[in-house]
Amino acid sequence: MTNNPGGIRWQDGTPAYNAEVKKMTKEEKIDELTDWIVESMDMSALESYVRNHLNEYYSSDDGVEDFETNYEEMKEIKGDDS
């Protein structure tokens, strides 16, 4: 049995469907899914998603050091007049 139902061929005679389709790795599948999700979000949904995740991360034990570093960098860029 072939993966070329009906024996469809290109003009050069090669099968139109190649039976040796490349298997995607999990990382490639994750990249593809991530791209699709981000592309399907409107800007307000994307902004909300990022805000929620950043708030959660900076509030966690894992994000404490990044919070301190990033906050200081932000203050340096923005200035202290806020």
PDB file of N, CA and C in Angstrom:
ATOM      1  N   MET A   1       0.845  -1.187   0.000  1.00  0.00           N
ATOM      2  CA  MET A   1       0.000   0.000   0.000  1.00  0.00           C
ATOM      3  C   MET A   1       0.886   1.244   0.000  1.00  0.00           C
ATOM      4  N   THR A   2       0.505   2.224  -0.774  1.00  0.00           N
ATOM      5  CA  THR A   2       1.295   3.443  -0.870  1.00  0.00           C
ATOM      6  C   THR A   2       0.579   4.599  -0.195  1.00  0.00           C
ATOM      7  N   ASN A   3       1.337   5.656   0.044  1.00  0.00           N
ATOM      8  CA  ASN A   3       0.766   6.889   0.572  1.00  0.00           C
ATOM      9  C   ASN A   3       0.452   7.851  -0.559  1.00  0.00           C
ATOM     10  N   ASN A   4       0.194   7.314  -1.715  1.00  0.00           N
ATOM     11  CA  ASN A   4      -0.121   8.110  -2.889  1.00  0.00           C
ATOM     12  C   ASN A   4      -1.433   7.592  -3.462  1.00  0.00           C
ATOM     13  N   PRO A   5      -2.541   7.908  -2.793  1.00  0.00           N
ATOM     14  CA  PRO A   5      -3.817   7.385  -3.268  1.00  0.00           C
ATOM     15  C   PRO A   5      -4.093   7.790  -4.710  1.00  0.00           C
ATOM     16  N   GLY A   6      -4.505   6.828  -5.482  1.00  0.00           N
ATOM     17  CA  GLY A   6      -4.831   7.086  -6.880  1.00  0.00           C
ATOM     18  C   GLY A   6      -3.618   7.159  -7.782  1.00  0.00           C
ATOM     19  N   GLY A   7      -2.419   7.000  -7.225  1.00  0.00           N
ATOM     20  CA  GLY A   7      -1.215   7.030  -8.040  1.00  0.00           C
ATOM     21  C   GLY A   7      -0.967   8.370  -8.688  1.00  0.00           C
ATOM     22  N   ILE A   8      -1.357   9.461  -8.058  1.00  0.00           N
ATOM     23  CA  ILE A   8      -1.186  10.806  -8.619  1.00  0.00           C
ATOM     24  C   ILE A   8       0.303  11.103  -8.757  1.00  0.00           C
ATOM     25  N   ARG A   9       0.676  11.654  -9.940  1.00  0.00           N
ATOM     26  CA  ARG A   9       2.086  11.947 -10.208  1.00  0.00           C
ATOM     27  C   ARG A   9       2.228  13.358 -10.756  1.00  0.00           C
ATOM     28  N   TRP A  10       3.418  13.917 -10.495  1.00  0.00           N
ATOM     29  CA  TRP A  10       3.768  15.202 -11.078  1.00  0.00           C
ATOM     30  C   TRP A  10       4.072  15.002 -12.554  1.00  0.00           C
ATOM     31  N   GLN A  11       4.292  16.101 -13.278  1.00  0.00           N
ATOM     32  CA  GLN A  11       4.582  16.011 -14.707  1.00  0.00           C
ATOM     33  C   GLN A  11       5.854  15.221 -14.983  1.00  0.00           C
ATOM     34  N   ASP A  12       6.819  15.247 -14.067  1.00  0.00           N
ATOM     35  CA  ASP A  12       8.060  14.510 -14.294  1.00  0.00           C
ATOM     36  C   ASP A  12       7.937  13.026 -13.949  1.00  0.00           C
ATOM     37  N   GLY A  13       6.755  12.592 -13.489  1.00  0.00           N
ATOM     38  CA  GLY A  13       6.515  11.183 -13.208  1.00  0.00           C
ATOM     39  C   GLY A  13       6.722  10.775 -11.768  1.00  0.00           C
ATOM     40  N   THR A  14       7.223  11.686 -10.932  1.00  0.00           N
ATOM     41  CA  THR A  14       7.415  11.342  -9.527  1.00  0.00           C
ATOM     42  C   THR A  14       6.077  11.376  -8.798  1.00  0.00           C
ATOM     43  N   PRO A  15       5.946  10.521  -7.782  1.00  0.00           N
ATOM     44  CA  PRO A  15       4.691  10.524  -7.025  1.00  0.00           C
ATOM     45  C   PRO A  15       4.414  11.895  -6.413  1.00  0.00           C
ATOM     46  N   ALA A  16       3.156  12.303  -6.426  1.00  0.00           N
ATOM     47  CA  ALA A  16       2.781  13.612  -5.909  1.00  0.00           C
ATOM     48  C   ALA A  16       2.857  13.651  -4.389  1.00  0.00           C
ATOM     49  N   TYR A  17       2.808  12.503  -3.751  1.00  0.00           N
ATOM     50  CA  TYR A  17       2.907  12.452  -2.301  1.00  0.00           C
ATOM     51  C   TYR A  17       4.079  11.569  -1.933  1.00  0.00           C
ATOM     52  N   ASN A  18       5.021  12.128  -1.212  1.00  0.00           N
ATOM     53  CA  ASN A  18       6.207  11.389  -0.828  1.00  0.00           C
ATOM     54  C   ASN A  18       5.906  10.591   0.436  1.00  0.00           C
ATOM     55  N   ALA A  19       6.081   9.283   0.395  1.00  0.00           N
ATOM     56  CA  ALA A  19       5.798   8.414   1.535  1.00  0.00           C
ATOM     57  C   ALA A  19       6.753   8.657   2.692  1.00  0.00           C
ATOM     58  N   GLU A  20       7.897   9.250   2.420  1.00  0.00           N
ATOM     59  CA  GLU A  20       8.872   9.498   3.472  1.00  0.00           C
ATOM     60  C   GLU A  20       8.756  10.932   3.973  1.00  0.00           C
ATOM     61  N   VAL A  21       7.618  11.228   4.596  1.00  0.00           N
ATOM     62  CA  VAL A  21       7.402  12.556   5.150  1.00  0.00           C
ATOM     63  C   VAL A  21       8.255  12.693   6.397  1.00  0.00           C
ATOM     64  N   LYS A  22       8.926  13.818   6.511  1.00  0.00           N
ATOM     65  CA  LYS A  22       9.821  14.053   7.643  1.00  0.00           C
ATOM     66  C   LYS A  22       9.006  14.098   8.934  1.00  0.00           C
ATOM     67  N   LYS A  23       9.440  13.328   9.919  1.00  0.00           N
ATOM     68  CA  LYS A  23       8.816  13.351  11.232  1.00  0.00           C
ATOM     69  C   LYS A  23       9.311  14.584  11.979  1.00  0.00           C
ATOM     70  N   MET A  24       8.380  15.336  12.551  1.00  0.00           N
ATOM     71  CA  MET A  24       8.753  16.526  13.305  1.00  0.00           C
ATOM     72  C   MET A  24       9.145  16.133  14.727  1.00  0.00           C
ATOM     73  N   THR A  25      10.153  16.814  15.246  1.00  0.00           N
ATOM     74  CA  THR A  25      10.528  16.597  16.633  1.00  0.00           C
ATOM     75  C   THR A  25       9.524  17.315  17.528  1.00  0.00           C
ATOM     76  N   LYS A  26       9.529  16.977  18.794  1.00  0.00           N
ATOM     77  CA  LYS A  26       8.629  17.654  19.727  1.00  0.00           C
ATOM     78  C   LYS A  26       8.927  19.150  19.760  1.00  0.00           C
ATOM     79  N   GLU A  27      10.203  19.526  19.723  1.00  0.00           N
ATOM     80  CA  GLU A  27      10.580  20.931  19.739  1.00  0.00           C
ATOM     81  C   GLU A  27      10.032  21.666  18.510  1.00  0.00           C
ATOM     82  N   GLU A  28      10.087  21.021  17.340  1.00  0.00           N
ATOM     83  CA  GLU A  28       9.540  21.624  16.119  1.00  0.00           C
ATOM     84  C   GLU A  28       8.026  21.777  16.223  1.00  0.00           C
ATOM     85  N   LYS A  29       7.371  20.784  16.803  1.00  0.00           N
ATOM     86  CA  LYS A  29       5.922  20.865  16.992  1.00  0.00           C
ATOM     87  C   LYS A  29       5.558  21.982  17.962  1.00  0.00           C
ATOM     88  N   ILE A  30       6.345  22.122  19.038  1.00  0.00           N
ATOM     89  CA  ILE A  30       6.102  23.192  19.999  1.00  0.00           C
ATOM     90  C   ILE A  30       6.270  24.549  19.328  1.00  0.00           C
ATOM     91  N   ASP A  31       7.338  24.705  18.527  1.00  0.00           N
ATOM     92  CA  ASP A  31       7.552  25.963  17.797  1.00  0.00           C
ATOM     93  C   ASP A  31       6.387  26.270  16.869  1.00  0.00           C
ATOM     94  N   GLU A  32       5.927  25.258  16.137  1.00  0.00           N
ATOM     95  CA  GLU A  32       4.813  25.456  15.205  1.00  0.00           C
ATOM     96  C   GLU A  32       3.542  25.844  15.952  1.00  0.00           C
ATOM     97  N   LEU A  33       3.239  25.150  17.045  1.00  0.00           N
ATOM     98  CA  LEU A  33       2.048  25.463  17.832  1.00  0.00           C
ATOM     99  C   LEU A  33       2.146  26.844  18.445  1.00  0.00           C
ATOM    100  N   THR A  34       3.320  27.188  18.981  1.00  0.00           N
ATOM    101  CA  THR A  34       3.518  28.503  19.582  1.00  0.00           C
ATOM    102  C   THR A  34       3.315  29.603  18.551  1.00  0.00           C
ATOM    103  N   ASP A  35       3.909  29.445  17.369  1.00  0.00           N
ATOM    104  CA  ASP A  35       3.730  30.434  16.303  1.00  0.00           C
ATOM    105  C   ASP A  35       2.258  30.600  15.958  1.00  0.00           C
ATOM    106  N   TRP A  36       1.544  29.492  15.837  1.00  0.00           N
ATOM    107  CA  TRP A  36       0.133  29.538  15.462  1.00  0.00           C
ATOM    108  C   TRP A  36      -0.690  30.260  16.527  1.00  0.00           C
ATOM    109  N   ILE A  37      -0.431  29.961  17.804  1.00  0.00           N
ATOM    110  CA  ILE A  37      -1.185  30.597  18.890  1.00  0.00           C
ATOM    111  C   ILE A  37      -0.924  32.093  18.914  1.00  0.00           C
ATOM    112  N   VAL A  38       0.345  32.493  18.823  1.00  0.00           N
ATOM    113  CA  VAL A  38       0.675  33.915  18.860  1.00  0.00           C
ATOM    114  C   VAL A  38       0.076  34.641  17.668  1.00  0.00           C
ATOM    115  N   GLU A  39       0.154  34.050  16.484  1.00  0.00           N
ATOM    116  CA  GLU A  39      -0.395  34.688  15.282  1.00  0.00           C
ATOM    117  C   GLU A  39      -1.911  34.805  15.340  1.00  0.00           C
ATOM    118  N   SER A  40      -2.566  33.920  16.092  1.00  0.00           N
ATOM    119  CA  SER A  40      -4.029  33.969  16.150  1.00  0.00           C
ATOM    120  C   SER A  40      -4.540  34.929  17.222  1.00  0.00           C
ATOM    121  N   MET A  41      -3.657  35.461  18.057  1.00  0.00           N
ATOM    122  CA  MET A  41      -4.060  36.383  19.119  1.00  0.00           C
ATOM    123  C   MET A  41      -4.083  37.815  18.599  1.00  0.00           C
ATOM    124  N   ASP A  42      -5.081  38.590  19.062  1.00  0.00           N
ATOM    125  CA  ASP A  42      -5.028  40.009  18.757  1.00  0.00           C
ATOM    126  C   ASP A  42      -4.099  40.677  19.778  1.00  0.00           C
ATOM    127  N   MET A  43      -3.755  41.920  19.554  1.00  0.00           N
ATOM    128  CA  MET A  43      -2.763  42.586  20.403  1.00  0.00           C
ATOM    129  C   MET A  43      -3.203  42.673  21.859  1.00  0.00           C
ATOM    130  N   SER A  44      -4.475  42.925  22.118  1.00  0.00           N
ATOM    131  CA  SER A  44      -4.914  43.045  23.513  1.00  0.00           C
ATOM    132  C   SER A  44      -4.827  41.698  24.224  1.00  0.00           C
ATOM    133  N   ALA A  45      -5.145  40.603  23.536  1.00  0.00           N
ATOM    134  CA  ALA A  45      -5.027  39.274  24.143  1.00  0.00           C
ATOM    135  C   ALA A  45      -3.562  38.930  24.392  1.00  0.00           C
ATOM    136  N   LEU A  46      -2.698  39.256  23.439  1.00  0.00           N
ATOM    137  CA  LEU A  46      -1.269  38.989  23.585  1.00  0.00           C
ATOM    138  C   LEU A  46      -0.687  39.808  24.743  1.00  0.00           C
ATOM    139  N   GLU A  47      -1.060  41.071  24.814  1.00  0.00           N
ATOM    140  CA  GLU A  47      -0.580  41.933  25.894  1.00  0.00           C
ATOM    141  C   GLU A  47      -1.055  41.411  27.255  1.00  0.00           C
ATOM    142  N   SER A  48      -2.294  41.017  27.350  1.00  0.00           N
ATOM    143  CA  SER A  48      -2.838  40.486  28.595  1.00  0.00           C
ATOM    144  C   SER A  48      -2.104  39.206  29.011  1.00  0.00           C
ATOM    145  N   TYR A  49      -1.858  38.342  28.055  1.00  0.00           N
ATOM    146  CA  TYR A  49      -1.162  37.088  28.310  1.00  0.00           C
ATOM    147  C   TYR A  49       0.242  37.352  28.854  1.00  0.00           C
ATOM    148  N   VAL A  50       0.956  38.260  28.214  1.00  0.00           N
ATOM    149  CA  VAL A  50       2.325  38.582  28.638  1.00  0.00           C
ATOM    150  C   VAL A  50       2.314  39.228  30.019  1.00  0.00           C
ATOM    151  N   ARG A  51       1.401  40.163  30.247  1.00  0.00           N
ATOM    152  CA  ARG A  51       1.315  40.811  31.558  1.00  0.00           C
ATOM    153  C   ARG A  51       1.083  39.787  32.665  1.00  0.00           C
ATOM    154  N   ASN A  52       0.123  38.884  32.459  1.00  0.00           N
ATOM    155  CA  ASN A  52      -0.190  37.870  33.475  1.00  0.00           C
ATOM    156  C   ASN A  52       1.017  36.987  33.772  1.00  0.00           C
ATOM    157  N   HIS A  53       1.697  36.547  32.722  1.00  0.00           N
ATOM    158  CA  HIS A  53       2.850  35.679  32.920  1.00  0.00           C
ATOM    159  C   HIS A  53       4.025  36.412  33.558  1.00  0.00           C
ATOM    160  N   LEU A  54       4.265  37.653  33.174  1.00  0.00           N
ATOM    161  CA  LEU A  54       5.349  38.412  33.800  1.00  0.00           C
ATOM    162  C   LEU A  54       5.048  38.681  35.272  1.00  0.00           C
ATOM    163  N   ASN A  55       3.807  39.061  35.573  1.00  0.00           N
ATOM    164  CA  ASN A  55       3.439  39.288  36.976  1.00  0.00           C
ATOM    165  C   ASN A  55       3.631  38.025  37.796  1.00  0.00           C
ATOM    166  N   GLU A  56       3.180  36.915  37.255  1.00  0.00           N
ATOM    167  CA  GLU A  56       3.318  35.633  37.952  1.00  0.00           C
ATOM    168  C   GLU A  56       4.797  35.267  38.143  1.00  0.00           C
ATOM    169  N   TYR A  57       5.582  35.458  37.090  1.00  0.00           N
ATOM    170  CA  TYR A  57       7.004  35.117  37.153  1.00  0.00           C
ATOM    171  C   TYR A  57       7.744  36.002  38.149  1.00  0.00           C
ATOM    172  N   TYR A  58       7.558  37.321  38.067  1.00  0.00           N
ATOM    173  CA  TYR A  58       8.270  38.231  38.958  1.00  0.00           C
ATOM    174  C   TYR A  58       7.835  38.063  40.418  1.00  0.00           C
ATOM    175  N   SER A  59       6.641  37.537  40.648  1.00  0.00           N
ATOM    176  CA  SER A  59       6.165  37.282  42.008  1.00  0.00           C
ATOM    177  C   SER A  59       6.659  35.952  42.566  1.00  0.00           C
ATOM    178  N   SER A  60       7.212  35.105  41.705  1.00  0.00           N
ATOM    179  CA  SER A  60       7.666  33.778  42.131  1.00  0.00           C
ATOM    180  C   SER A  60       9.096  33.833  42.657  1.00  0.00           C
ATOM    181  N   ASP A  61       9.482  32.772  43.358  1.00  0.00           N
ATOM    182  CA  ASP A  61      10.857  32.667  43.853  1.00  0.00           C
ATOM    183  C   ASP A  61      11.863  32.637  42.708  1.00  0.00           C
ATOM    184  N   ASP A  62      11.488  32.029  41.585  1.00  0.00           N
ATOM    185  CA  ASP A  62      12.395  31.936  40.430  1.00  0.00           C
ATOM    186  C   ASP A  62      12.653  33.288  39.773  1.00  0.00           C
ATOM    187  N   GLY A  63      11.716  34.236  39.922  1.00  0.00           N
ATOM    188  CA  GLY A  63      11.835  35.504  39.220  1.00  0.00           C
ATOM    189  C   GLY A  63      12.380  36.654  40.028  1.00  0.00           C
ATOM    190  N   VAL A  64      12.728  36.420  41.298  1.00  0.00           N
ATOM    191  CA  VAL A  64      13.168  37.513  42.172  1.00  0.00           C
ATOM    192  C   VAL A  64      14.403  38.222  41.626  1.00  0.00           C
ATOM    193  N   GLU A  65      15.416  37.460  41.267  1.00  0.00           N
ATOM    194  CA  GLU A  65      16.661  38.075  40.784  1.00  0.00           C
ATOM    195  C   GLU A  65      16.431  38.827  39.471  1.00  0.00           C
ATOM    196  N   ASP A  66      15.676  38.216  38.547  1.00  0.00           N
ATOM    197  CA  ASP A  66      15.371  38.904  37.282  1.00  0.00           C
ATOM    198  C   ASP A  66      14.576  40.178  37.533  1.00  0.00           C
ATOM    199  N   PHE A  67      13.629  40.121  38.489  1.00  0.00           N
ATOM    200  CA  PHE A  67      12.846  41.315  38.805  1.00  0.00           C
ATOM    201  C   PHE A  67      13.748  42.450  39.252  1.00  0.00           C
ATOM    202  N   GLU A  68      14.643  42.162  40.191  1.00  0.00           N
ATOM    203  CA  GLU A  68      15.543  43.205  40.707  1.00  0.00           C
ATOM    204  C   GLU A  68      16.390  43.797  39.586  1.00  0.00           C
ATOM    205  N   THR A  69      16.990  42.932  38.770  1.00  0.00           N
ATOM    206  CA  THR A  69      17.838  43.386  37.667  1.00  0.00           C
ATOM    207  C   THR A  69      17.038  44.184  36.641  1.00  0.00           C
ATOM    208  N   ASN A  70      15.908  43.656  36.213  1.00  0.00           N
ATOM    209  CA  ASN A  70      15.105  44.316  35.181  1.00  0.00           C
ATOM    210  C   ASN A  70      14.500  45.624  35.680  1.00  0.00           C
ATOM    211  N   TYR A  71      14.106  45.660  36.953  1.00  0.00           N
ATOM    212  CA  TYR A  71      13.541  46.890  37.510  1.00  0.00           C
ATOM    213  C   TYR A  71      14.599  47.991  37.550  1.00  0.00           C
ATOM    214  N   GLU A  72      15.800  47.645  37.961  1.00  0.00           N
ATOM    215  CA  GLU A  72      16.889  48.634  37.995  1.00  0.00           C
ATOM    216  C   GLU A  72      17.223  49.131  36.589  1.00  0.00           C
ATOM    217  N   GLU A  73      17.239  48.215  35.612  1.00  0.00           N
ATOM    218  CA  GLU A  73      17.496  48.625  34.219  1.00  0.00           C
ATOM    219  C   GLU A  73      16.397  49.550  33.714  1.00  0.00           C
ATOM    220  N   MET A  74      15.139  49.238  34.054  1.00  0.00           N
ATOM    221  CA  MET A  74      14.025  50.086  33.634  1.00  0.00           C
ATOM    222  C   MET A  74      14.158  51.481  34.235  1.00  0.00           C
ATOM    223  N   LYS A  75      14.480  51.554  35.536  1.00  0.00           N
ATOM    224  CA  LYS A  75      14.621  52.855  36.193  1.00  0.00           C
ATOM    225  C   LYS A  75      15.755  53.664  35.566  1.00  0.00           C
ATOM    226  N   GLU A  76      16.832  52.983  35.203  1.00  0.00           N
ATOM    227  CA  GLU A  76      17.960  53.670  34.581  1.00  0.00           C
ATOM    228  C   GLU A  76      17.560  54.234  33.210  1.00  0.00           C
ATOM    229  N   ILE A  77      16.799  53.466  32.457  1.00  0.00           N
ATOM    230  CA  ILE A  77      16.372  53.912  31.129  1.00  0.00           C
ATOM    231  C   ILE A  77      15.328  55.029  31.250  1.00  0.00           C
ATOM    232  N   LYS A  78      14.345  54.832  32.103  1.00  0.00           N
ATOM    233  CA  LYS A  78      13.257  55.806  32.266  1.00  0.00           C
ATOM    234  C   LYS A  78      13.696  57.042  33.007  1.00  0.00           C
ATOM    235  N   GLY A  79      14.631  56.900  33.934  1.00  0.00           N
ATOM    236  CA  GLY A  79      15.025  57.982  34.801  1.00  0.00           C
ATOM    237  C   GLY A  79      14.236  57.901  36.099  1.00  0.00           C
ATOM    238  N   ASP A  80      14.653  58.651  37.088  1.00  0.00           N
ATOM    239  CA  ASP A  80      14.029  58.596  38.417  1.00  0.00           C
ATOM    240  C   ASP A  80      12.931  59.618  38.606  1.00  0.00           C
ATOM    241  N   ASP A  81      12.500  60.313  37.575  1.00  0.00           N
ATOM    242  CA  ASP A  81      11.486  61.344  37.724  1.00  0.00           C
ATOM    243  C   ASP A  81      10.061  60.803  37.713  1.00  0.00           C
ATOM    244  N   SER A  82       9.880  59.485  37.851  1.00  0.00           N
ATOM    245  CA  SER A  82       8.518  58.944  37.861  1.00  0.00           C
ATOM    246  C   SER A  82       8.052  58.728  39.286  1.00  0.00           C
TER     247      SER A  82
END
